[in-house]
Amino acid sequence: MIERYVYLRFKDEHQNDASRAEAVAKCRELLPRVPGVVGATVGVPGDADCASKWDLSISVRFASIDDVEPYRVHPTHRKLVDEVLVPRMAVIKAWNFDVG
């Protein structure tokens, strides 16, 4: 099982509850529709320290590492990234972990 962890820092004008909530809703709507996605969790900062560094966390689960690249280029994922996340995004970090 592969877990892809993604952390986003939004541009100053998007560092607010409304913008975060809209991004969370779109992620929760679209990520499960992408083939190969076994599950997804989306969250916002839970404390002030986290909020000072990040605005959104996304965890996406796949059966294998071979499912990650098709996910990354899938039109539904691209729509989420290009139309919802990129316009808000200042920084993104993403990593894949084998969680067994």
PDB file of N, CA and C in Angstrom:
ATOM      1  N   MET A   1       0.852  -1.175   0.000  1.00  0.00           N
ATOM      2  CA  MET A   1       0.000   0.000   0.000  1.00  0.00           C
ATOM      3  C   MET A   1       0.898   1.238   0.000  1.00  0.00           C
ATOM      4  N   ILE A   2       0.577   2.181  -0.871  1.00  0.00           N
ATOM      5  CA  ILE A   2       1.311   3.440  -0.970  1.00  0.00           C
ATOM      6  C   ILE A   2       0.444   4.565  -0.421  1.00  0.00           C
ATOM      7  N   GLU A   3       1.048   5.391   0.390  1.00  0.00           N
ATOM      8  CA  GLU A   3       0.375   6.574   0.922  1.00  0.00           C
ATOM      9  C   GLU A   3       1.122   7.790   0.377  1.00  0.00           C
ATOM     10  N   ARG A   4       0.400   8.637  -0.331  1.00  0.00           N
ATOM     11  CA  ARG A   4       0.980   9.876  -0.877  1.00  0.00           C
ATOM     12  C   ARG A   4       0.542  11.019   0.024  1.00  0.00           C
ATOM     13  N   TYR A   5       1.524  11.685   0.635  1.00  0.00           N
ATOM     14  CA  TYR A   5       1.261  12.803   1.534  1.00  0.00           C
ATOM     15  C   TYR A   5       1.571  14.106   0.804  1.00  0.00           C
ATOM     16  N   VAL A   6       0.626  15.010   0.811  1.00  0.00           N
ATOM     17  CA  VAL A   6       0.783  16.298   0.131  1.00  0.00           C
ATOM     18  C   VAL A   6       0.448  17.403   1.133  1.00  0.00           C
ATOM     19  N   TYR A   7       1.315  18.399   1.218  1.00  0.00           N
ATOM     20  CA  TYR A   7       1.106  19.553   2.087  1.00  0.00           C
ATOM     21  C   TYR A   7       1.173  20.817   1.245  1.00  0.00           C
ATOM     22  N   LEU A   8       0.204  21.713   1.455  1.00  0.00           N
ATOM     23  CA  LEU A   8       0.136  22.940   0.677  1.00  0.00           C
ATOM     24  C   LEU A   8       0.115  24.159   1.580  1.00  0.00           C
ATOM     25  N   ARG A   9       0.886  25.144   1.174  1.00  0.00           N
ATOM     26  CA  ARG A   9       0.836  26.469   1.782  1.00  0.00           C
ATOM     27  C   ARG A   9       0.190  27.363   0.751  1.00  0.00           C
ATOM     28  N   PHE A  10      -0.873  28.041   1.147  1.00  0.00           N
ATOM     29  CA  PHE A  10      -1.597  28.902   0.231  1.00  0.00           C
ATOM     30  C   PHE A  10      -0.968  30.294   0.163  1.00  0.00           C
ATOM     31  N   LYS A  11      -1.260  30.988  -0.920  1.00  0.00           N
ATOM     32  CA  LYS A  11      -0.892  32.390  -1.054  1.00  0.00           C
ATOM     33  C   LYS A  11      -1.613  33.171   0.050  1.00  0.00           C
ATOM     34  N   ASP A  12      -1.053  34.310   0.418  1.00  0.00           N
ATOM     35  CA  ASP A  12      -1.605  35.101   1.519  1.00  0.00           C
ATOM     36  C   ASP A  12      -3.107  35.329   1.395  1.00  0.00           C
ATOM     37  N   GLU A  13      -3.571  35.659   0.205  1.00  0.00           N
ATOM     38  CA  GLU A  13      -4.989  35.987   0.016  1.00  0.00           C
ATOM     39  C   GLU A  13      -5.916  34.771   0.172  1.00  0.00           C
ATOM     40  N   HIS A  14      -5.343  33.575   0.202  1.00  0.00           N
ATOM     41  CA  HIS A  14      -6.139  32.354   0.360  1.00  0.00           C
ATOM     42  C   HIS A  14      -5.947  31.696   1.729  1.00  0.00           C
ATOM     43  N   GLN A  15      -5.209  32.346   2.597  1.00  0.00           N
ATOM     44  CA  GLN A  15      -4.992  31.794   3.936  1.00  0.00           C
ATOM     45  C   GLN A  15      -6.141  32.198   4.852  1.00  0.00           C
ATOM     46  N   ASN A  16      -7.321  31.629   4.554  1.00  0.00           N
ATOM     47  CA  ASN A  16      -8.510  31.911   5.350  1.00  0.00           C
ATOM     48  C   ASN A  16      -9.413  30.681   5.350  1.00  0.00           C
ATOM     49  N   ASP A  17     -10.332  30.639   6.297  1.00  0.00           N
ATOM     50  CA  ASP A  17     -11.185  29.467   6.462  1.00  0.00           C
ATOM     51  C   ASP A  17     -12.037  29.172   5.232  1.00  0.00           C
ATOM     52  N   ALA A  18     -12.545  30.199   4.574  1.00  0.00           N
ATOM     53  CA  ALA A  18     -13.410  29.988   3.412  1.00  0.00           C
ATOM     54  C   ALA A  18     -12.653  29.336   2.260  1.00  0.00           C
ATOM     55  N   SER A  19     -11.453  29.818   1.983  1.00  0.00           N
ATOM     56  CA  SER A  19     -10.669  29.261   0.889  1.00  0.00           C
ATOM     57  C   SER A  19     -10.243  27.830   1.203  1.00  0.00           C
ATOM     58  N   ARG A  20      -9.843  27.591   2.445  1.00  0.00           N
ATOM     59  CA  ARG A  20      -9.479  26.229   2.844  1.00  0.00           C
ATOM     60  C   ARG A  20     -10.678  25.297   2.716  1.00  0.00           C
ATOM     61  N   ALA A  21     -11.838  25.735   3.191  1.00  0.00           N
ATOM     62  CA  ALA A  21     -13.043  24.889   3.151  1.00  0.00           C
ATOM     63  C   ALA A  21     -13.424  24.544   1.717  1.00  0.00           C
ATOM     64  N   GLU A  22     -13.310  25.494   0.813  1.00  0.00           N
ATOM     65  CA  GLU A  22     -13.628  25.229  -0.591  1.00  0.00           C
ATOM     66  C   GLU A  22     -12.656  24.201  -1.177  1.00  0.00           C
ATOM     67  N   ALA A  23     -11.386  24.337  -0.873  1.00  0.00           N
ATOM     68  CA  ALA A  23     -10.388  23.386  -1.371  1.00  0.00           C
ATOM     69  C   ALA A  23     -10.629  21.995  -0.790  1.00  0.00           C
ATOM     70  N   VAL A  24     -10.930  21.923   0.505  1.00  0.00           N
ATOM     71  CA  VAL A  24     -11.225  20.629   1.140  1.00  0.00           C
ATOM     72  C   VAL A  24     -12.418  19.971   0.460  1.00  0.00           C
ATOM     73  N   ALA A  25     -13.489  20.726   0.248  1.00  0.00           N
ATOM     74  CA  ALA A  25     -14.696  20.167  -0.367  1.00  0.00           C
ATOM     75  C   ALA A  25     -14.406  19.627  -1.764  1.00  0.00           C
ATOM     76  N   LYS A  26     -13.655  20.372  -2.561  1.00  0.00           N
ATOM     77  CA  LYS A  26     -13.327  19.917  -3.917  1.00  0.00           C
ATOM     78  C   LYS A  26     -12.446  18.672  -3.889  1.00  0.00           C
ATOM     79  N   CYS A  27     -11.474  18.639  -2.972  1.00  0.00           N
ATOM     80  CA  CYS A  27     -10.622  17.457  -2.848  1.00  0.00           C
ATOM     81  C   CYS A  27     -11.455  16.237  -2.480  1.00  0.00           C
ATOM     82  N   ARG A  28     -12.331  16.399  -1.507  1.00  0.00           N
ATOM     83  CA  ARG A  28     -13.166  15.273  -1.063  1.00  0.00           C
ATOM     84  C   ARG A  28     -14.136  14.824  -2.146  1.00  0.00           C
ATOM     85  N   GLU A  29     -14.558  15.738  -2.988  1.00  0.00           N
ATOM     86  CA  GLU A  29     -15.455  15.401  -4.097  1.00  0.00           C
ATOM     87  C   GLU A  29     -14.715  14.681  -5.222  1.00  0.00           C
ATOM     88  N   LEU A  30     -13.543  15.192  -5.603  1.00  0.00           N
ATOM     89  CA  LEU A  30     -12.886  14.715  -6.822  1.00  0.00           C
ATOM     90  C   LEU A  30     -11.893  13.574  -6.614  1.00  0.00           C
ATOM     91  N   LEU A  31     -11.146  13.559  -5.538  1.00  0.00           N
ATOM     92  CA  LEU A  31     -10.110  12.529  -5.381  1.00  0.00           C
ATOM     93  C   LEU A  31     -10.655  11.102  -5.438  1.00  0.00           C
ATOM     94  N   PRO A  32     -11.775  10.794  -4.788  1.00  0.00           N
ATOM     95  CA  PRO A  32     -12.269   9.412  -4.873  1.00  0.00           C
ATOM     96  C   PRO A  32     -12.691   8.984  -6.275  1.00  0.00           C
ATOM     97  N   ARG A  33     -12.881   9.928  -7.171  1.00  0.00           N
ATOM     98  CA  ARG A  33     -13.284   9.617  -8.547  1.00  0.00           C
ATOM     99  C   ARG A  33     -12.119   9.204  -9.447  1.00  0.00           C
ATOM    100  N   VAL A  34     -10.896   9.407  -8.985  1.00  0.00           N
ATOM    101  CA  VAL A  34      -9.729   9.107  -9.815  1.00  0.00           C
ATOM    102  C   VAL A  34      -9.418   7.615  -9.723  1.00  0.00           C
ATOM    103  N   PRO A  35      -9.342   6.928 -10.853  1.00  0.00           N
ATOM    104  CA  PRO A  35      -9.011   5.505 -10.830  1.00  0.00           C
ATOM    105  C   PRO A  35      -7.683   5.262 -10.113  1.00  0.00           C
ATOM    106  N   GLY A  36      -7.648   4.186  -9.343  1.00  0.00           N
ATOM    107  CA  GLY A  36      -6.443   3.830  -8.614  1.00  0.00           C
ATOM    108  C   GLY A  36      -6.428   4.330  -7.183  1.00  0.00           C
ATOM    109  N   VAL A  37      -7.271   5.307  -6.867  1.00  0.00           N
ATOM    110  CA  VAL A  37      -7.333   5.836  -5.500  1.00  0.00           C
ATOM    111  C   VAL A  37      -8.130   4.866  -4.638  1.00  0.00           C
ATOM    112  N   VAL A  38      -7.482   4.372  -3.594  1.00  0.00           N
ATOM    113  CA  VAL A  38      -8.119   3.444  -2.653  1.00  0.00           C
ATOM    114  C   VAL A  38      -8.831   4.222  -1.550  1.00  0.00           C
ATOM    115  N   GLY A  39      -8.284   5.371  -1.199  1.00  0.00           N
ATOM    116  CA  GLY A  39      -8.867   6.222  -0.171  1.00  0.00           C
ATOM    117  C   GLY A  39      -8.145   7.548  -0.134  1.00  0.00           C
ATOM    118  N   ALA A  40      -8.803   8.544   0.456  1.00  0.00           N
ATOM    119  CA  ALA A  40      -8.190   9.871   0.560  1.00  0.00           C
ATOM    120  C   ALA A  40      -8.682  10.553   1.828  1.00  0.00           C
ATOM    121  N   THR A  41      -7.773  11.300   2.447  1.00  0.00           N
ATOM    122  CA  THR A  41      -8.085  12.088   3.626  1.00  0.00           C
ATOM    123  C   THR A  41      -7.579  13.501   3.379  1.00  0.00           C
ATOM    124  N   VAL A  42      -8.406  14.479   3.703  1.00  0.00           N
ATOM    125  CA  VAL A  42      -8.038  15.877   3.499  1.00  0.00           C
ATOM    126  C   VAL A  42      -8.251  16.607   4.820  1.00  0.00           C
ATOM    127  N   GLY A  43      -7.283  17.450   5.200  1.00  0.00           N
ATOM    128  CA  GLY A  43      -7.419  18.160   6.460  1.00  0.00           C
ATOM    129  C   GLY A  43      -6.868  19.569   6.414  1.00  0.00           C
ATOM    130  N   VAL A  44      -7.259  20.323   7.440  1.00  0.00           N
ATOM    131  CA  VAL A  44      -6.762  21.682   7.647  1.00  0.00           C
ATOM    132  C   VAL A  44      -5.980  21.695   8.958  1.00  0.00           C
ATOM    133  N   PRO A  45      -5.204  22.736   9.199  1.00  0.00           N
ATOM    134  CA  PRO A  45      -4.387  22.771  10.416  1.00  0.00           C
ATOM    135  C   PRO A  45      -5.218  22.557  11.682  1.00  0.00           C
ATOM    136  N   GLY A  46      -4.631  21.794  12.596  1.00  0.00           N
ATOM    137  CA  GLY A  46      -5.300  21.501  13.856  1.00  0.00           C
ATOM    138  C   GLY A  46      -4.785  22.337  15.011  1.00  0.00           C
ATOM    139  N   ASP A  47      -3.722  23.112  14.775  1.00  0.00           N
ATOM    140  CA  ASP A  47      -3.188  23.968  15.825  1.00  0.00           C
ATOM    141  C   ASP A  47      -2.465  25.158  15.189  1.00  0.00           C
ATOM    142  N   ALA A  48      -2.128  26.128  16.009  1.00  0.00           N
ATOM    143  CA  ALA A  48      -1.532  27.370  15.515  1.00  0.00           C
ATOM    144  C   ALA A  48      -0.176  27.145  14.861  1.00  0.00           C
ATOM    145  N   ASP A  49       0.637  26.237  15.407  1.00  0.00           N
ATOM    146  CA  ASP A  49       1.946  25.984  14.816  1.00  0.00           C
ATOM    147  C   ASP A  49       1.806  25.460  13.397  1.00  0.00           C
ATOM    148  N   CYS A  50       0.917  24.505  13.209  1.00  0.00           N
ATOM    149  CA  CYS A  50       0.675  23.968  11.861  1.00  0.00           C
ATOM    150  C   CYS A  50       0.131  25.060  10.940  1.00  0.00           C
ATOM    151  N   ALA A  51      -0.808  25.842  11.434  1.00  0.00           N
ATOM    152  CA  ALA A  51      -1.424  26.894  10.619  1.00  0.00           C
ATOM    153  C   ALA A  51      -0.412  27.953  10.186  1.00  0.00           C
ATOM    154  N   SER A  52       0.661  28.095  10.938  1.00  0.00           N
ATOM    155  CA  SER A  52       1.682  29.075  10.554  1.00  0.00           C
ATOM    156  C   SER A  52       2.537  28.585   9.398  1.00  0.00           C
ATOM    157  N   LYS A  53       2.419  27.292   9.065  1.00  0.00           N
ATOM    158  CA  LYS A  53       3.259  26.710   8.017  1.00  0.00           C
ATOM    159  C   LYS A  53       2.479  26.122   6.840  1.00  0.00           C
ATOM    160  N   TRP A  54       1.300  25.549   7.110  1.00  0.00           N
ATOM    161  CA  TRP A  54       0.551  24.822   6.087  1.00  0.00           C
ATOM    162  C   TRP A  54      -0.925  25.189   6.143  1.00  0.00           C
ATOM    163  N   ASP A  55      -1.602  25.045   5.002  1.00  0.00           N
ATOM    164  CA  ASP A  55      -3.037  25.321   4.925  1.00  0.00           C
ATOM    165  C   ASP A  55      -3.870  24.086   4.638  1.00  0.00           C
ATOM    166  N   LEU A  56      -3.259  23.079   4.030  1.00  0.00           N
ATOM    167  CA  LEU A  56      -4.023  21.905   3.620  1.00  0.00           C
ATOM    168  C   LEU A  56      -3.123  20.682   3.610  1.00  0.00           C
ATOM    169  N   SER A  57      -3.659  19.580   4.098  1.00  0.00           N
ATOM    170  CA  SER A  57      -2.956  18.300   3.973  1.00  0.00           C
ATOM    171  C   SER A  57      -3.855  17.340   3.209  1.00  0.00           C
ATOM    172  N   ILE A  58      -3.230  16.553   2.360  1.00  0.00           N
ATOM    173  CA  ILE A  58      -3.945  15.554   1.566  1.00  0.00           C
ATOM    174  C   ILE A  58      -3.165  14.255   1.675  1.00  0.00           C
ATOM    175  N   SER A  59      -3.874  13.190   1.980  1.00  0.00           N
ATOM    176  CA  SER A  59      -3.270  11.865   2.005  1.00  0.00           C
ATOM    177  C   SER A  59      -4.091  10.988   1.061  1.00  0.00           C
ATOM    178  N   VAL A  60      -3.414  10.415   0.077  1.00  0.00           N
ATOM    179  CA  VAL A  60      -4.099   9.571  -0.913  1.00  0.00           C
ATOM    180  C   VAL A  60      -3.462   8.190  -0.878  1.00  0.00           C
ATOM    181  N   ARG A  61      -4.298   7.149  -0.815  1.00  0.00           N
ATOM    182  CA  ARG A  61      -3.829   5.767  -0.743  1.00  0.00           C
ATOM    183  C   ARG A  61      -4.020   5.050  -2.081  1.00  0.00           C
ATOM    184  N   PHE A  62      -2.998   4.234  -2.404  1.00  0.00           N
ATOM    185  CA  PHE A  62      -2.989   3.449  -3.636  1.00  0.00           C
ATOM    186  C   PHE A  62      -2.572   2.022  -3.307  1.00  0.00           C
ATOM    187  N   ALA A  63      -2.991   1.081  -4.115  1.00  0.00           N
ATOM    188  CA  ALA A  63      -2.590  -0.316  -3.923  1.00  0.00           C
ATOM    189  C   ALA A  63      -1.097  -0.490  -4.187  1.00  0.00           C
ATOM    190  N   SER A  64      -0.561   0.248  -5.169  1.00  0.00           N
ATOM    191  CA  SER A  64       0.868   0.109  -5.483  1.00  0.00           C
ATOM    192  C   SER A  64       1.417   1.416  -6.035  1.00  0.00           C
ATOM    193  N   ILE A  65       2.727   1.514  -6.063  1.00  0.00           N
ATOM    194  CA  ILE A  65       3.391   2.707  -6.588  1.00  0.00           C
ATOM    195  C   ILE A  65       3.063   2.911  -8.067  1.00  0.00           C
ATOM    196  N   ASP A  66       2.745   1.827  -8.761  1.00  0.00           N
ATOM    197  CA  ASP A  66       2.405   1.926 -10.184  1.00  0.00           C
ATOM    198  C   ASP A  66       1.116   2.704 -10.426  1.00  0.00           C
ATOM    199  N   ASP A  67       0.307   2.894  -9.393  1.00  0.00           N
ATOM    200  CA  ASP A  67      -0.954   3.632  -9.528  1.00  0.00           C
ATOM    201  C   ASP A  67      -0.769   5.144  -9.388  1.00  0.00           C
ATOM    202  N   VAL A  68       0.390   5.583  -8.907  1.00  0.00           N
ATOM    203  CA  VAL A  68       0.582   7.006  -8.608  1.00  0.00           C
ATOM    204  C   VAL A  68       0.680   7.848  -9.878  1.00  0.00           C
ATOM    205  N   GLU A  69       1.499   7.463 -10.825  1.00  0.00           N
ATOM    206  CA  GLU A  69       1.676   8.293 -12.022  1.00  0.00           C
ATOM    207  C   GLU A  69       0.390   8.405 -12.844  1.00  0.00           C
ATOM    208  N   PRO A  70      -0.344   7.318 -13.081  1.00  0.00           N
ATOM    209  CA  PRO A  70      -1.617   7.482 -13.794  1.00  0.00           C
ATOM    210  C   PRO A  70      -2.580   8.425 -13.062  1.00  0.00           C
ATOM    211  N   TYR A  71      -2.563   8.383 -11.732  1.00  0.00           N
ATOM    212  CA  TYR A  71      -3.367   9.306 -10.923  1.00  0.00           C
ATOM    213  C   TYR A  71      -2.940  10.752 -11.173  1.00  0.00           C
ATOM    214  N   ARG A  72      -1.637  10.974 -11.167  1.00  0.00           N
ATOM    215  CA  ARG A  72      -1.119  12.335 -11.310  1.00  0.00           C
ATOM    216  C   ARG A  72      -1.531  12.986 -12.634  1.00  0.00           C
ATOM    217  N   VAL A  73      -1.664  12.193 -13.687  1.00  0.00           N
ATOM    218  CA  VAL A  73      -1.993  12.751 -15.004  1.00  0.00           C
ATOM    219  C   VAL A  73      -3.462  12.582 -15.383  1.00  0.00           C
ATOM    220  N   HIS A  74      -4.242  11.934 -14.534  1.00  0.00           N
ATOM    221  CA  HIS A  74      -5.662  11.710 -14.834  1.00  0.00           C
ATOM    222  C   HIS A  74      -6.402  13.056 -14.919  1.00  0.00           C
ATOM    223  N   PRO A  75      -7.323  13.216 -15.883  1.00  0.00           N
ATOM    224  CA  PRO A  75      -8.030  14.494 -16.067  1.00  0.00           C
ATOM    225  C   PRO A  75      -8.761  14.999 -14.809  1.00  0.00           C
ATOM    226  N   THR A  76      -9.318  14.113 -14.023  1.00  0.00           N
ATOM    227  CA  THR A  76     -10.017  14.552 -12.812  1.00  0.00           C
ATOM    228  C   THR A  76      -9.032  15.130 -11.799  1.00  0.00           C
ATOM    229  N   HIS A  77      -7.885  14.471 -11.652  1.00  0.00           N
ATOM    230  CA  HIS A  77      -6.854  15.000 -10.756  1.00  0.00           C
ATOM    231  C   HIS A  77      -6.298  16.310 -11.289  1.00  0.00           C
ATOM    232  N   ARG A  78      -6.038  16.368 -12.593  1.00  0.00           N
ATOM    233  CA  ARG A  78      -5.517  17.600 -13.188  1.00  0.00           C
ATOM    234  C   ARG A  78      -6.496  18.752 -12.989  1.00  0.00           C
ATOM    235  N   LYS A  79      -7.800  18.486 -13.118  1.00  0.00           N
ATOM    236  CA  LYS A  79      -8.811  19.531 -12.907  1.00  0.00           C
ATOM    237  C   LYS A  79      -8.708  20.072 -11.490  1.00  0.00           C
ATOM    238  N   LEU A  80      -8.610  19.182 -10.508  1.00  0.00           N
ATOM    239  CA  LEU A  80      -8.471  19.601  -9.115  1.00  0.00           C
ATOM    240  C   LEU A  80      -7.216  20.446  -8.928  1.00  0.00           C
ATOM    241  N   VAL A  81      -6.112  19.953  -9.422  1.00  0.00           N
ATOM    242  CA  VAL A  81      -4.839  20.661  -9.245  1.00  0.00           C
ATOM    243  C   VAL A  81      -4.850  22.003  -9.973  1.00  0.00           C
ATOM    244  N   ASP A  82      -5.191  21.974 -11.253  1.00  0.00           N
ATOM    245  CA  ASP A  82      -5.072  23.168 -12.086  1.00  0.00           C
ATOM    246  C   ASP A  82      -6.113  24.246 -11.776  1.00  0.00           C
ATOM    247  N   GLU A  83      -7.338  23.829 -11.437  1.00  0.00           N
ATOM    248  CA  GLU A  83      -8.419  24.802 -11.243  1.00  0.00           C
ATOM    249  C   GLU A  83      -8.638  25.202  -9.786  1.00  0.00           C
ATOM    250  N   VAL A  84      -8.294  24.321  -8.846  1.00  0.00           N
ATOM    251  CA  VAL A  84      -8.575  24.602  -7.441  1.00  0.00           C
ATOM    252  C   VAL A  84      -7.304  24.884  -6.650  1.00  0.00           C
ATOM    253  N   LEU A  85      -6.307  24.025  -6.782  1.00  0.00           N
ATOM    254  CA  LEU A  85      -5.130  24.132  -5.918  1.00  0.00           C
ATOM    255  C   LEU A  85      -4.085  25.129  -6.417  1.00  0.00           C
ATOM    256  N   VAL A  86      -3.699  25.047  -7.674  1.00  0.00           N
ATOM    257  CA  VAL A  86      -2.646  25.925  -8.192  1.00  0.00           C
ATOM    258  C   VAL A  86      -2.981  27.411  -7.999  1.00  0.00           C
ATOM    259  N   PRO A  87      -4.210  27.855  -8.260  1.00  0.00           N
ATOM    260  CA  PRO A  87      -4.494  29.278  -8.048  1.00  0.00           C
ATOM    261  C   PRO A  87      -4.314  29.736  -6.595  1.00  0.00           C
ATOM    262  N   ARG A  88      -4.402  28.812  -5.638  1.00  0.00           N
ATOM    263  CA  ARG A  88      -4.245  29.147  -4.221  1.00  0.00           C
ATOM    264  C   ARG A  88      -2.808  28.939  -3.721  1.00  0.00           C
ATOM    265  N   MET A  89      -2.053  28.138  -4.415  1.00  0.00           N
ATOM    266  CA  MET A  89      -0.825  27.551  -3.910  1.00  0.00           C
ATOM    267  C   MET A  89       0.389  28.468  -3.982  1.00  0.00           C
ATOM    268  N   ALA A  90       1.114  28.530  -2.857  1.00  0.00           N
ATOM    269  CA  ALA A  90       2.419  29.174  -2.814  1.00  0.00           C
ATOM    270  C   ALA A  90       3.519  28.111  -2.736  1.00  0.00           C
ATOM    271  N   VAL A  91       3.271  27.036  -1.965  1.00  0.00           N
ATOM    272  CA  VAL A  91       4.251  25.968  -1.767  1.00  0.00           C
ATOM    273  C   VAL A  91       3.517  24.638  -1.741  1.00  0.00           C
ATOM    274  N   ILE A  92       4.129  23.626  -2.338  1.00  0.00           N
ATOM    275  CA  ILE A  92       3.600  22.265  -2.260  1.00  0.00           C
ATOM    276  C   ILE A  92       4.758  21.305  -1.987  1.00  0.00           C
ATOM    277  N   LYS A  93       4.507  20.364  -1.133  1.00  0.00           N
ATOM    278  CA  LYS A  93       5.458  19.279  -0.855  1.00  0.00           C
ATOM    279  C   LYS A  93       4.676  17.980  -0.965  1.00  0.00           C
ATOM    280  N   ALA A  94       5.245  16.986  -1.622  1.00  0.00           N
ATOM    281  CA  ALA A  94       4.568  15.702  -1.784  1.00  0.00           C
ATOM    282  C   ALA A  94       5.573  14.570  -1.705  1.00  0.00           C
ATOM    283  N   TRP A  95       5.181  13.500  -0.993  1.00  0.00           N
ATOM    284  CA  TRP A  95       6.019  12.328  -0.844  1.00  0.00           C
ATOM    285  C   TRP A  95       5.167  11.079  -0.896  1.00  0.00           C
ATOM    286  N   ASN A  96       5.768   9.988  -1.382  1.00  0.00           N
ATOM    287  CA  ASN A  96       5.117   8.662  -1.409  1.00  0.00           C
ATOM    288  C   ASN A  96       5.818   7.758  -0.397  1.00  0.00           C
ATOM    289  N   PHE A  97       5.018   7.091   0.433  1.00  0.00           N
ATOM    290  CA  PHE A  97       5.550   6.141   1.408  1.00  0.00           C
ATOM    291  C   PHE A  97       4.891   4.793   1.229  1.00  0.00           C
ATOM    292  N   ASP A  98       5.686   3.744   1.311  1.00  0.00           N
ATOM    293  CA  ASP A  98       5.168   2.389   1.313  1.00  0.00           C
ATOM    294  C   ASP A  98       4.753   2.071   2.752  1.00  0.00           C
ATOM    295  N   VAL A  99       3.456   1.911   2.976  1.00  0.00           N
ATOM    296  CA  VAL A  99       2.941   1.686   4.321  1.00  0.00           C
ATOM    297  C   VAL A  99       2.489   0.244   4.532  1.00  0.00           C
ATOM    298  N   GLY A 100       2.898  -0.621   3.617  1.00  0.00           N
ATOM    299  CA  GLY A 100       2.647  -2.047   3.767  1.00  0.00           C
ATOM    300  C   GLY A 100       1.392  -2.546   3.270  1.00  0.00           C
TER     301      GLY A 100
END
